[in-house]
Amino acid sequence: MISQGHYQLFGTATGVAAIGWKGAGIASFRLPAPTAPETERAILRHLPGARRAEPPAGIAAVINAAIRYFEGERVEFFEAPVELGEPPPFFARVYAHVRKLGWGQTTTYGAVARALDAGPEHARAVGQAMATNPVPLIIPCHRVMAAGGGIGGFSAPGGALSKARMLELEGVPVAPVQHGFDF
């Protein structure tokens, strides 16, 4: 029987985050949201049937690093164990490439495509991979921006504003984020 996984919620300086794991690998990470129920719903959408549990030492270390990250400490997640299942092959290549981006280092969707010898016309596919990234922060999709210095999209709680805040936390200057209309 395949394990459905486990998860744990944890507080950060910017809200409640969650981490989900299968075995020793991180299978899901939810960036901070304002409330615990919102975060718990999000993690369970990605890991249906997962049970809340105390994390093993390796996962607890990643939780502690994430808490420090959101307090503004320079933290890298290069060695955090991940269990992504079987993403589409191009997405797996994108994730491996983006995972190497360090604190404050940004790139563009087109540059990632070119680095993978896919050509800039595959920038949209890079964006799709980032939008479905199951472990944001671990695979730092917030560091991938649109051409011309635009912030690009972000599917985490808070959208592009959260992406901008994470980049600012890392010392990356960003253009003002356009907000939607309040109808």
Protein backbone atom coordinates (compact mmCIF):
# COMPACT_ATOMS: atom_id res chain seq x y z
CA MET A 1 0.00 0.00 0.00
CA ILE A 2 1.35 3.44 -0.94
CA SER A 3 1.64 5.91 1.92
CA GLN A 4 -0.75 8.86 1.68
CA GLY A 5 1.76 10.92 3.58
CA HIS A 6 1.88 13.14 6.60
CA TYR A 7 1.83 16.87 7.20
CA GLN A 8 2.40 19.48 9.83
CA LEU A 9 1.36 23.13 10.14
CA PHE A 10 3.76 25.70 11.57
CA GLY A 11 3.75 29.39 12.30
CA THR A 12 6.04 31.87 10.55
CA ALA A 13 6.51 35.62 10.75
CA THR A 14 4.13 35.97 7.80
CA GLY A 15 1.42 33.42 8.60
CA VAL A 16 0.78 29.71 8.91
CA ALA A 17 2.70 27.41 6.55
CA ALA A 18 2.53 23.64 6.06
CA ILE A 19 4.82 20.87 4.97
CA GLY A 20 3.81 17.43 3.73
CA TRP A 21 6.06 14.42 3.38
CA LYS A 22 6.12 10.84 2.20
CA GLY A 23 8.86 8.79 3.78
CA ALA A 24 11.83 11.12 4.23
CA GLY A 25 10.99 13.35 1.24
CA ILE A 26 9.01 16.59 1.13
CA ALA A 27 6.03 16.08 -1.18
CA SER A 28 4.22 19.36 -0.58
CA PHE A 29 4.95 22.76 0.89
CA ARG A 30 2.35 25.49 1.40
CA LEU A 31 3.60 29.03 1.77
CA PRO A 32 2.19 31.02 4.68
CA ALA A 33 -1.48 31.96 4.61
CA PRO A 34 -3.34 34.07 7.18
CA THR A 35 -5.09 31.17 8.93
CA ALA A 36 -4.37 27.58 9.91
CA PRO A 37 -7.61 26.20 8.37
CA GLU A 38 -6.78 27.82 5.01
CA THR A 39 -3.29 26.32 5.07
CA GLU A 40 -4.56 22.91 6.16
CA ARG A 41 -7.13 22.82 3.33
CA ALA A 42 -4.38 23.69 0.84
CA ILE A 43 -1.97 20.98 1.99
CA LEU A 44 -4.74 18.35 2.00
CA ARG A 45 -5.74 19.27 -1.57
CA HIS A 46 -2.24 18.24 -2.64
CA LEU A 47 -1.91 15.29 -0.24
CA PRO A 48 -5.43 13.88 0.12
CA GLY A 49 -5.69 11.46 2.99
CA ALA A 50 -2.49 12.69 4.65
CA ARG A 51 -2.43 12.59 8.43
CA ARG A 52 -1.11 15.32 10.68
CA ALA A 53 1.96 14.01 12.49
CA GLU A 54 5.11 15.07 14.27
CA PRO A 55 7.79 15.45 11.61
CA PRO A 56 10.90 13.29 11.53
CA ALA A 57 14.22 15.09 12.21
CA GLY A 58 15.00 15.88 8.57
CA ILE A 59 11.58 17.43 7.96
CA ALA A 60 11.74 19.30 11.29
CA ALA A 61 15.05 20.82 10.16
CA VAL A 62 13.37 22.13 7.00
CA ILE A 63 10.52 23.59 9.08
CA ASN A 64 13.05 25.40 11.28
CA ALA A 65 14.86 26.70 8.20
CA ALA A 66 11.57 27.95 6.69
CA ILE A 67 10.71 29.77 9.92
CA ARG A 68 14.11 31.47 9.84
CA TYR A 69 13.69 32.31 6.14
CA PHE A 70 10.46 34.20 6.79
CA GLU A 71 12.21 36.07 9.62
CA GLY A 72 14.68 37.33 7.01
CA GLU A 73 17.60 34.99 7.64
CA ARG A 74 19.54 33.89 4.58
CA VAL A 75 18.58 30.23 4.27
CA GLU A 76 19.05 27.81 1.39
CA PHE A 77 17.13 24.59 0.76
CA PHE A 78 19.47 22.91 -1.72
CA GLU A 79 19.80 19.78 0.41
CA ALA A 80 16.19 19.45 1.55
CA PRO A 81 14.94 15.99 0.52
CA VAL A 82 12.04 16.11 -1.93
CA GLU A 83 9.62 13.47 -3.19
CA LEU A 84 7.89 14.94 -6.25
CA GLY A 85 6.42 11.73 -7.61
CA GLU A 86 6.61 11.68 -11.40
CA PRO A 87 6.16 15.18 -12.82
CA PRO A 88 6.20 15.53 -16.62
CA PRO A 89 9.82 15.19 -17.84
CA PHE A 90 10.15 18.86 -18.88
CA PHE A 91 8.74 20.00 -15.53
CA ALA A 92 11.25 17.76 -13.70
CA ARG A 93 14.08 19.43 -15.65
CA VAL A 94 12.69 22.88 -14.83
CA TYR A 95 12.42 22.01 -11.13
CA ALA A 96 16.02 20.70 -11.05
CA HIS A 97 17.30 23.86 -12.73
CA VAL A 98 15.33 26.33 -10.60
CA ARG A 99 16.27 24.49 -7.41
CA LYS A 100 19.86 25.66 -7.95
CA LEU A 101 18.90 29.35 -7.71
CA GLY A 102 20.28 30.77 -4.48
CA TRP A 103 19.19 33.55 -2.14
CA GLY A 104 18.45 36.72 -4.09
CA GLN A 105 19.34 35.17 -7.45
CA THR A 106 16.64 35.62 -10.08
CA THR A 107 16.10 34.54 -13.64
CA THR A 108 13.29 34.67 -16.19
CA TYR A 109 10.95 32.06 -17.59
CA GLY A 110 12.62 32.42 -21.00
CA ALA A 111 16.12 32.14 -19.55
CA VAL A 112 15.19 28.87 -17.81
CA ALA A 113 13.83 27.51 -21.10
CA ARG A 114 17.03 28.51 -22.94
CA ALA A 115 19.20 27.00 -20.20
CA LEU A 116 17.38 23.71 -20.78
CA ASP A 117 17.99 23.96 -24.55
CA ALA A 118 14.25 24.29 -25.06
CA GLY A 119 14.30 27.76 -26.58
CA PRO A 120 12.56 30.89 -25.33
CA GLU A 121 9.29 29.80 -26.94
CA HIS A 122 9.00 27.31 -24.06
CA ALA A 123 8.85 30.10 -21.47
CA ARG A 124 5.12 29.47 -21.05
CA ALA A 125 5.80 25.81 -20.19
CA VAL A 126 8.35 26.97 -17.61
CA GLY A 127 5.62 29.19 -16.15
CA GLN A 128 3.24 26.23 -16.02
CA ALA A 129 5.86 24.18 -14.18
CA MET A 130 6.31 27.02 -11.68
CA ALA A 131 2.54 27.35 -11.22
CA THR A 132 2.27 23.65 -10.32
CA ASN A 133 5.45 23.49 -8.22
CA PRO A 134 4.44 21.32 -5.25
CA VAL A 135 7.24 22.59 -3.01
CA PRO A 136 7.60 26.38 -3.39
CA LEU A 137 10.48 27.85 -1.38
CA ILE A 138 12.24 24.45 -1.57
CA ILE A 139 12.15 24.83 -5.36
CA PRO A 140 12.26 28.64 -5.32
CA CYS A 141 9.74 29.48 -8.03
CA HIS A 142 9.45 32.99 -6.57
CA ARG A 143 12.90 33.67 -8.06
CA VAL A 144 11.66 33.16 -11.64
CA MET A 145 10.35 36.38 -13.11
CA ALA A 146 8.79 37.61 -16.33
CA ALA A 147 10.86 39.16 -19.11
CA GLY A 148 11.72 42.82 -18.71
CA GLY A 149 11.86 42.65 -14.92
CA GLY A 150 8.15 42.01 -14.43
CA ILE A 151 7.19 40.02 -11.36
CA GLY A 152 5.20 37.40 -13.27
CA GLY A 153 2.49 35.26 -11.74
CA PHE A 154 2.46 33.41 -8.45
CA SER A 155 -0.10 30.81 -7.41
CA ALA A 156 0.64 30.88 -3.66
CA PRO A 157 -1.51 32.67 -1.07
CA GLY A 158 -1.28 36.40 -1.72
CA GLY A 159 -0.32 35.92 -5.37
CA ALA A 160 2.22 38.30 -6.91
CA LEU A 161 2.28 40.42 -3.75
CA SER A 162 3.62 37.42 -1.77
CA LYS A 163 6.20 36.79 -4.49
CA ALA A 164 7.31 40.42 -4.30
CA ARG A 165 7.59 40.25 -0.50
CA MET A 166 9.72 37.12 -0.68
CA LEU A 167 12.01 38.72 -3.25
CA GLU A 168 12.26 41.90 -1.15
CA LEU A 169 13.10 39.75 1.88
CA GLU A 170 16.05 38.45 -0.19
CA GLY A 171 17.11 41.97 -1.16
CA VAL A 172 15.83 41.83 -4.74
CA PRO A 173 14.36 45.16 -5.86
CA VAL A 174 10.99 44.66 -7.53
CA ALA A 175 8.67 46.95 -9.44
CA PRO A 176 5.37 47.76 -7.72
CA VAL A 177 2.89 44.92 -8.00
CA GLN A 178 -0.36 45.75 -9.75
CA HIS A 179 -3.38 44.83 -7.68
CA GLY A 180 -6.68 43.64 -9.09
CA PHE A 181 -9.82 45.71 -9.09
CA ASP A 182 -11.88 45.68 -5.91
CA PHE A 183 -15.36 45.12 -7.32
